[in-house]
Amino acid sequence: MGWPMTYPRFPTLATSAPVWLIGSIILLAMMIVIQLTH
């Protein structure tokens, strides 16, 4: 049912891929810093 609505979002999802990639790297770095400080 929601396929016609999700199809146009695929190009925007592909262009925003570096955004969540950088976000996951920052989150991973924060977890490492927390473990090192503790």
Protein backbone atom coordinates (compact mmCIF):
# COMPACT_ATOMS: atom_id res chain seq x y z
CA MET A 1 0.00 0.00 0.00
CA GLY A 2 2.80 2.42 0.90
CA TRP A 3 5.04 1.50 -2.05
CA PRO A 4 4.12 4.50 -4.30
CA MET A 5 4.97 6.84 -1.42
CA THR A 6 8.29 5.17 -0.53
CA TYR A 7 9.67 4.95 -4.09
CA PRO A 8 10.36 8.73 -4.47
CA ARG A 9 12.18 8.66 -1.12
CA PHE A 10 14.88 6.24 -2.33
CA PRO A 11 16.95 8.97 -4.11
CA THR A 12 16.81 11.19 -1.00
CA LEU A 13 17.78 8.18 1.15
CA ALA A 14 20.79 7.55 -1.12
CA THR A 15 21.92 11.20 -0.94
CA SER A 16 21.49 11.27 2.86
CA ALA A 17 23.55 8.07 3.26
CA PRO A 18 26.75 9.98 4.28
CA VAL A 19 24.68 11.77 6.96
CA TRP A 20 23.77 8.62 8.94
CA LEU A 21 27.23 7.19 8.16
CA ILE A 22 28.92 10.20 9.81
CA GLY A 23 26.34 10.03 12.62
CA SER A 24 27.14 6.37 13.32
CA ILE A 25 30.91 7.13 13.30
CA ILE A 26 30.38 10.00 15.80
CA LEU A 27 28.21 7.72 17.97
CA LEU A 28 30.89 4.99 17.85
CA ALA A 29 33.61 7.52 18.74
CA MET A 30 31.54 8.78 21.69
CA MET A 31 31.12 5.21 22.97
CA ILE A 32 34.90 4.63 22.73
CA VAL A 33 35.59 7.92 24.59
CA ILE A 34 33.09 6.96 27.33
CA GLN A 35 34.76 3.54 27.72
CA LEU A 36 38.25 5.11 27.87
CA THR A 37 37.22 7.75 30.44
CA HIS A 38 35.62 5.06 32.62
